[in-house]
Protein backbone atom coordinates (compact mmCIF):
# COMPACT_ATOMS: atom_id res chain seq x y z
CA MET A 1 -27.48 1.44 16.78
CA GLU A 2 -24.82 3.98 17.73
CA TYR A 3 -24.16 5.50 14.30
CA ASP A 4 -24.05 9.25 13.74
CA LEU A 5 -25.05 9.59 10.09
CA SER A 6 -24.02 13.24 10.09
CA VAL A 7 -20.42 12.16 10.68
CA ILE A 8 -19.80 8.74 9.12
CA ASN A 9 -19.53 7.73 5.48
CA ALA A 10 -22.44 5.30 5.25
CA GLU A 11 -21.13 3.71 2.07
CA GLN A 12 -17.88 2.77 3.77
CA THR A 13 -19.41 1.85 7.12
CA PHE A 14 -22.23 -0.39 5.88
CA PHE A 15 -20.97 -3.04 3.51
CA HIS A 16 -24.39 -4.74 3.50
CA PRO A 17 -26.87 -1.88 3.87
CA ALA A 18 -29.93 -4.10 3.47
CA SER A 19 -29.07 -5.92 6.69
CA LYS A 20 -28.72 -2.59 8.53
CA VAL A 21 -32.03 -1.34 7.12
CA SER A 22 -33.62 -4.61 8.24
CA GLN A 23 -32.24 -4.13 11.76
CA ILE A 24 -33.55 -0.55 11.87
CA MET A 25 -36.98 -1.60 10.63
CA LYS A 26 -37.10 -4.39 13.20
CA LEU A 27 -36.58 -1.79 15.95
CA VAL A 28 -39.96 -0.28 15.06
CA GLY A 29 -41.70 -3.61 14.48
CA LEU A 30 -41.48 -3.64 10.69
CA LYS A 31 -39.94 -6.14 8.29
CA TYR A 32 -37.60 -5.36 5.38
CA ASP A 33 -36.99 -7.90 2.60
CA LYS A 34 -35.97 -5.54 -0.23
CA HIS A 35 -39.39 -5.71 -1.89
CA LEU A 36 -40.30 -2.81 -4.17
CA SER A 37 -43.10 -1.68 -1.86
CA GLU A 38 -40.69 -1.50 1.08
CA VAL A 39 -38.12 0.48 -0.90
CA GLU A 40 -40.87 2.84 -2.08
CA ARG A 41 -42.11 3.28 1.51
CA ILE A 42 -38.62 4.33 2.61
CA THR A 43 -37.69 6.50 -0.38
CA SER A 44 -41.07 8.26 -0.41
CA HIS A 45 -39.78 10.27 2.56
CA ILE A 46 -36.97 11.83 0.49
CA THR A 47 -38.07 15.37 -0.30
CA PHE A 48 -37.08 17.69 -3.11
CA ASP A 49 -35.25 19.79 -0.52
CA ASP A 50 -33.27 16.69 0.55
CA ILE A 51 -32.19 16.17 -3.06
CA VAL A 52 -31.21 19.82 -3.51
CA ASP A 53 -29.27 19.76 -0.23
CA VAL A 54 -27.28 16.73 -1.41
CA ILE A 55 -26.56 18.24 -4.82
CA MET A 56 -25.45 21.57 -3.38
CA SER A 57 -23.31 20.00 -0.66
CA ASP A 58 -19.63 19.15 -0.89
CA ASP A 59 -20.23 16.37 1.63
CA LYS A 60 -18.69 13.09 0.45
CA ARG A 61 -20.44 10.78 2.95
CA CYS A 62 -22.68 9.12 0.37
CA GLU A 63 -21.43 9.46 -3.19
CA SER A 64 -23.93 6.99 -4.67
CA PHE A 65 -26.88 8.98 -3.26
CA LYS A 66 -25.36 12.19 -4.63
CA SER A 67 -24.97 10.53 -8.04
CA PHE A 68 -28.60 9.36 -7.85
CA CYS A 69 -29.76 12.90 -7.00
CA ASP A 70 -27.67 14.37 -9.82
CA ASP A 71 -29.34 11.95 -12.24
CA LEU A 72 -32.78 12.98 -11.00
CA ILE A 73 -32.07 16.62 -11.76
CA GLU A 74 -30.82 15.80 -15.27
CA TYR A 75 -34.16 14.25 -16.22
């Protein structure tokens, strides 16, 4: 899909992320309709180390994910 997620700000690039996720899932023969089970299948791959990396980083590419990770640590 020609996006380098290590460089772009995903929040600014993808105005409708669900449609992009659907396109990505279609590439591997899966369907994405924003059902809870599909969201859980995707987010289950986020590790504790991923969360710590986001919290410790000054990277501003995905502020909403950073905010989400910050909230996880608070609880």
